[in-house]
Amino acid sequence: LILLGGCGERQNASPAAAENPRQQAASALVSVQAQYARSQERGFAWRAAKEQIATAQAAFDAGDFDAALQQTQLASEIVQASIDQADLEAQAWRTRAPFGS
């Protein structure tokens, strides 16, 4: 007796693709909130990011998980820009500081 379990099923689907839209949006919200917390710790949290996260949360709470995911992705881009700015500023002082001549 030979059993061919799973024959014909896609085995290479990503775990994210297997999640339902609610789970994807919830996971994205948790991730962007953690990313935002890191930008706060560095002193470069932008108000626009906080507002975008609130917009994503509102869409999630309203049950519009696709919109929540889109808004969360935008929030993540904004937060990443603030982190990039923090990185640049961490090095920029060297070009601004007068050194003995």
N, C-alpha and C. Protein backbone atom coordinates (compact mmCIF):
# COMPACT_ATOMS: atom_id res chain seq x y z
N LEU A 1 0.85 -1.18 0.00
CA LEU A 1 0.00 0.00 0.00
C LEU A 1 0.89 1.24 0.00
N ILE A 2 0.71 2.11 -0.97
CA ILE A 2 1.49 3.33 -1.08
C ILE A 2 0.55 4.52 -0.90
N LEU A 3 0.91 5.39 0.05
CA LEU A 3 0.11 6.59 0.27
C LEU A 3 0.86 7.79 -0.30
N LEU A 4 0.16 8.57 -1.07
CA LEU A 4 0.76 9.75 -1.66
C LEU A 4 0.11 10.99 -1.07
N GLY A 5 0.33 11.21 0.20
CA GLY A 5 -0.25 12.36 0.87
C GLY A 5 0.31 13.66 0.34
N GLY A 6 -0.56 14.60 0.11
CA GLY A 6 -0.14 15.91 -0.34
C GLY A 6 0.18 15.96 -1.83
N CYS A 7 -0.11 14.90 -2.54
CA CYS A 7 0.19 14.86 -3.96
C CYS A 7 -0.61 15.95 -4.67
N GLY A 8 0.06 16.74 -5.44
CA GLY A 8 -0.61 17.79 -6.19
C GLY A 8 -0.74 19.10 -5.43
N GLU A 9 -0.37 19.13 -4.16
CA GLU A 9 -0.45 20.36 -3.39
C GLU A 9 0.84 21.15 -3.55
N ARG A 10 0.71 22.47 -3.49
CA ARG A 10 1.90 23.32 -3.54
C ARG A 10 2.62 23.22 -2.20
N GLN A 11 3.86 22.88 -2.26
CA GLN A 11 4.66 22.74 -1.04
C GLN A 11 5.57 23.94 -0.80
N ASN A 12 5.67 24.84 -1.78
CA ASN A 12 6.61 25.94 -1.64
C ASN A 12 5.93 27.25 -1.28
N ALA A 13 4.69 27.21 -0.84
CA ALA A 13 4.01 28.45 -0.45
C ALA A 13 4.68 29.02 0.79
N SER A 14 4.88 30.31 0.78
CA SER A 14 5.52 30.96 1.92
C SER A 14 4.58 30.96 3.11
N PRO A 15 5.12 31.00 4.34
CA PRO A 15 4.27 31.06 5.52
C PRO A 15 3.37 32.29 5.52
N ALA A 16 3.87 33.42 5.02
CA ALA A 16 3.06 34.63 5.00
C ALA A 16 1.87 34.46 4.08
N ALA A 17 2.06 33.75 2.97
CA ALA A 17 0.96 33.55 2.03
C ALA A 17 -0.12 32.66 2.64
N ALA A 18 0.28 31.80 3.56
CA ALA A 18 -0.68 30.90 4.20
C ALA A 18 -1.53 31.64 5.25
N GLU A 19 -1.05 32.79 5.73
CA GLU A 19 -1.78 33.55 6.73
C GLU A 19 -3.00 34.20 6.08
N ASN A 20 -4.03 34.37 6.87
CA ASN A 20 -5.17 35.11 6.34
C ASN A 20 -4.89 36.61 6.45
N PRO A 21 -5.68 37.45 5.75
CA PRO A 21 -5.41 38.89 5.76
C PRO A 21 -5.38 39.50 7.16
N ARG A 22 -6.23 39.01 8.05
CA ARG A 22 -6.24 39.54 9.42
C ARG A 22 -4.91 39.26 10.11
N GLN A 23 -4.41 38.05 9.96
CA GLN A 23 -3.13 37.68 10.58
C GLN A 23 -1.98 38.47 9.98
N GLN A 24 -2.00 38.67 8.66
CA GLN A 24 -0.95 39.44 8.01
C GLN A 24 -0.94 40.87 8.53
N ALA A 25 -2.12 41.48 8.59
CA ALA A 25 -2.21 42.87 9.05
C ALA A 25 -1.79 42.99 10.51
N ALA A 26 -2.23 42.05 11.34
CA ALA A 26 -1.87 42.08 12.76
C ALA A 26 -0.36 41.94 12.93
N SER A 27 0.23 41.04 12.19
CA SER A 27 1.68 40.83 12.26
C SER A 27 2.43 42.08 11.79
N ALA A 28 1.95 42.69 10.73
CA ALA A 28 2.59 43.90 10.21
C ALA A 28 2.47 45.05 11.21
N LEU A 29 1.33 45.16 11.88
CA LEU A 29 1.16 46.21 12.89
C LEU A 29 2.13 46.03 14.05
N VAL A 30 2.26 44.82 14.53
CA VAL A 30 3.19 44.54 15.62
C VAL A 30 4.62 44.88 15.19
N SER A 31 4.96 44.52 13.98
CA SER A 31 6.31 44.77 13.47
C SER A 31 6.59 46.27 13.35
N VAL A 32 5.65 47.03 12.78
CA VAL A 32 5.90 48.47 12.60
C VAL A 32 5.88 49.19 13.95
N GLN A 33 5.11 48.71 14.89
CA GLN A 33 5.12 49.33 16.22
C GLN A 33 6.47 49.11 16.90
N ALA A 34 7.05 47.95 16.73
CA ALA A 34 8.37 47.69 17.29
C ALA A 34 9.43 48.54 16.59
N GLN A 35 9.30 48.67 15.27
CA GLN A 35 10.22 49.50 14.50
C GLN A 35 10.11 50.96 14.96
N TYR A 36 8.90 51.43 15.21
CA TYR A 36 8.68 52.80 15.67
C TYR A 36 9.30 53.00 17.06
N ALA A 37 9.18 51.99 17.91
CA ALA A 37 9.78 52.08 19.25
C ALA A 37 11.29 52.24 19.15
N ARG A 38 11.91 51.56 18.19
CA ARG A 38 13.37 51.70 17.98
C ARG A 38 13.71 53.13 17.54
N SER A 39 12.86 53.70 16.70
CA SER A 39 13.14 55.08 16.27
C SER A 39 12.95 56.05 17.43
N GLN A 40 12.01 55.76 18.32
CA GLN A 40 11.83 56.60 19.52
C GLN A 40 13.06 56.52 20.42
N GLU A 41 13.58 55.32 20.59
CA GLU A 41 14.77 55.14 21.44
C GLU A 41 15.95 55.95 20.92
N ARG A 42 16.01 56.13 19.63
CA ARG A 42 17.11 56.89 19.02
C ARG A 42 16.82 58.38 18.98
N GLY A 43 15.60 58.76 19.35
CA GLY A 43 15.24 60.17 19.37
C GLY A 43 14.85 60.72 18.01
N PHE A 44 14.48 59.85 17.10
CA PHE A 44 14.14 60.29 15.75
C PHE A 44 12.77 59.78 15.30
N ALA A 45 11.85 59.63 16.21
CA ALA A 45 10.50 59.20 15.84
C ALA A 45 9.77 60.38 15.21
N TRP A 46 9.22 60.16 14.05
CA TRP A 46 8.52 61.21 13.33
C TRP A 46 7.03 61.14 13.62
N ARG A 47 6.42 62.31 13.75
CA ARG A 47 4.97 62.39 13.99
C ARG A 47 4.20 61.74 12.83
N ALA A 48 4.69 61.92 11.61
CA ALA A 48 4.02 61.34 10.44
C ALA A 48 3.94 59.81 10.56
N ALA A 49 4.97 59.20 11.11
CA ALA A 49 4.96 57.75 11.29
C ALA A 49 3.91 57.34 12.32
N LYS A 50 3.86 58.08 13.41
CA LYS A 50 2.87 57.78 14.45
C LYS A 50 1.45 57.92 13.91
N GLU A 51 1.23 58.96 13.12
CA GLU A 51 -0.10 59.16 12.53
C GLU A 51 -0.44 58.06 11.53
N GLN A 52 0.56 57.62 10.76
CA GLN A 52 0.33 56.55 9.79
C GLN A 52 0.03 55.23 10.49
N ILE A 53 0.70 54.97 11.59
CA ILE A 53 0.42 53.76 12.36
C ILE A 53 -1.00 53.82 12.91
N ALA A 54 -1.43 54.98 13.37
CA ALA A 54 -2.80 55.14 13.87
C ALA A 54 -3.82 54.90 12.76
N THR A 55 -3.51 55.35 11.55
CA THR A 55 -4.38 55.12 10.40
C THR A 55 -4.48 53.62 10.10
N ALA A 56 -3.35 52.95 10.15
CA ALA A 56 -3.33 51.50 9.92
C ALA A 56 -4.12 50.77 11.00
N GLN A 57 -3.96 51.20 12.25
CA GLN A 57 -4.69 50.58 13.35
C GLN A 57 -6.19 50.79 13.19
N ALA A 58 -6.59 51.98 12.76
CA ALA A 58 -8.01 52.27 12.56
C ALA A 58 -8.60 51.38 11.46
N ALA A 59 -7.85 51.20 10.38
CA ALA A 59 -8.32 50.31 9.31
C ALA A 59 -8.44 48.88 9.82
N PHE A 60 -7.47 48.46 10.62
CA PHE A 60 -7.51 47.12 11.19
C PHE A 60 -8.74 46.96 12.10
N ASP A 61 -8.95 47.95 12.96
CA ASP A 61 -10.09 47.89 13.88
C ASP A 61 -11.43 47.88 13.14
N ALA A 62 -11.46 48.50 11.97
CA ALA A 62 -12.68 48.54 11.16
C ALA A 62 -12.86 47.26 10.34
N GLY A 63 -11.87 46.38 10.40
CA GLY A 63 -11.97 45.11 9.67
C GLY A 63 -11.49 45.18 8.23
N ASP A 64 -10.90 46.30 7.84
CA ASP A 64 -10.37 46.45 6.48
C ASP A 64 -8.89 46.06 6.50
N PHE A 65 -8.65 44.77 6.48
CA PHE A 65 -7.30 44.25 6.69
C PHE A 65 -6.36 44.54 5.52
N ASP A 66 -6.91 44.58 4.30
CA ASP A 66 -6.06 44.93 3.16
C ASP A 66 -5.58 46.37 3.27
N ALA A 67 -6.48 47.28 3.62
CA ALA A 67 -6.09 48.68 3.82
C ALA A 67 -5.12 48.81 4.99
N ALA A 68 -5.36 48.06 6.05
CA ALA A 68 -4.47 48.11 7.20
C ALA A 68 -3.07 47.67 6.81
N LEU A 69 -2.98 46.64 5.99
CA LEU A 69 -1.67 46.16 5.54
C LEU A 69 -0.98 47.21 4.68
N GLN A 70 -1.72 47.83 3.77
CA GLN A 70 -1.14 48.88 2.93
C GLN A 70 -0.67 50.07 3.78
N GLN A 71 -1.49 50.47 4.72
CA GLN A 71 -1.14 51.60 5.58
C GLN A 71 0.06 51.27 6.47
N THR A 72 0.14 50.03 6.91
CA THR A 72 1.26 49.59 7.73
C THR A 72 2.55 49.59 6.93
N GLN A 73 2.47 49.20 5.67
CA GLN A 73 3.66 49.22 4.83
C GLN A 73 4.16 50.65 4.62
N LEU A 74 3.23 51.57 4.43
CA LEU A 74 3.61 52.98 4.30
C LEU A 74 4.23 53.49 5.60
N ALA A 75 3.62 53.12 6.72
CA ALA A 75 4.16 53.53 8.02
C ALA A 75 5.58 52.99 8.20
N SER A 76 5.80 51.77 7.79
CA SER A 76 7.13 51.17 7.90
C SER A 76 8.16 51.94 7.08
N GLU A 77 7.77 52.38 5.90
CA GLU A 77 8.68 53.17 5.07
C GLU A 77 9.02 54.50 5.74
N ILE A 78 8.03 55.12 6.36
CA ILE A 78 8.26 56.39 7.05
C ILE A 78 9.18 56.18 8.25
N VAL A 79 8.90 55.13 9.02
CA VAL A 79 9.74 54.85 10.19
C VAL A 79 11.17 54.55 9.75
N GLN A 80 11.32 53.79 8.67
CA GLN A 80 12.67 53.48 8.19
C GLN A 80 13.40 54.74 7.77
N ALA A 81 12.69 55.69 7.18
CA ALA A 81 13.31 56.96 6.80
C ALA A 81 13.80 57.70 8.04
N SER A 82 13.04 57.63 9.13
CA SER A 82 13.48 58.31 10.36
C SER A 82 14.71 57.63 10.95
N ILE A 83 14.76 56.31 10.84
CA ILE A 83 15.93 55.57 11.33
C ILE A 83 17.15 55.89 10.45
N ASP A 84 16.91 55.99 9.14
CA ASP A 84 18.00 56.36 8.24
C ASP A 84 18.53 57.75 8.60
N GLN A 85 17.63 58.66 8.92
CA GLN A 85 18.05 60.00 9.33
C GLN A 85 18.89 59.93 10.61
N ALA A 86 18.47 59.11 11.54
CA ALA A 86 19.23 58.95 12.79
C ALA A 86 20.65 58.46 12.48
N ASP A 87 20.74 57.50 11.56
CA ASP A 87 22.06 56.98 11.18
C ASP A 87 22.92 58.07 10.55
N LEU A 88 22.32 58.85 9.66
CA LEU A 88 23.07 59.94 9.01
C LEU A 88 23.53 60.98 10.03
N GLU A 89 22.64 61.35 10.93
CA GLU A 89 22.99 62.35 11.93
C GLU A 89 24.05 61.85 12.89
N ALA A 90 24.06 60.54 13.12
CA ALA A 90 25.07 59.98 14.02
C ALA A 90 26.48 60.16 13.44
N GLN A 91 26.58 60.27 12.12
CA GLN A 91 27.88 60.45 11.48
C GLN A 91 28.12 61.90 11.04
N ALA A 92 27.06 62.65 10.82
CA ALA A 92 27.19 63.99 10.24
C ALA A 92 27.92 64.97 11.15
N TRP A 93 27.85 64.77 12.44
CA TRP A 93 28.51 65.71 13.36
C TRP A 93 30.01 65.80 13.08
N ARG A 94 30.55 64.74 12.56
CA ARG A 94 31.99 64.72 12.30
C ARG A 94 32.39 65.73 11.23
N THR A 95 31.50 65.97 10.29
CA THR A 95 31.82 66.94 9.25
C THR A 95 31.48 68.36 9.69
N ARG A 96 30.69 68.48 10.75
CA ARG A 96 30.29 69.80 11.23
C ARG A 96 31.17 70.32 12.36
N ALA A 97 31.78 69.42 13.07
CA ALA A 97 32.56 69.82 14.23
C ALA A 97 33.90 70.43 13.79
N PRO A 98 34.22 71.58 14.31
CA PRO A 98 35.51 72.18 13.95
C PRO A 98 36.65 71.43 14.67
N PHE A 99 37.59 71.04 13.91
CA PHE A 99 38.75 70.39 14.49
C PHE A 99 39.91 71.37 14.41
N GLY A 100 40.81 71.26 15.33
CA GLY A 100 41.95 72.18 15.40
C GLY A 100 42.64 72.36 14.07
N SER A 101 42.96 73.61 13.75
CA SER A 101 43.69 73.86 12.50
C SER A 101 44.99 74.55 12.75
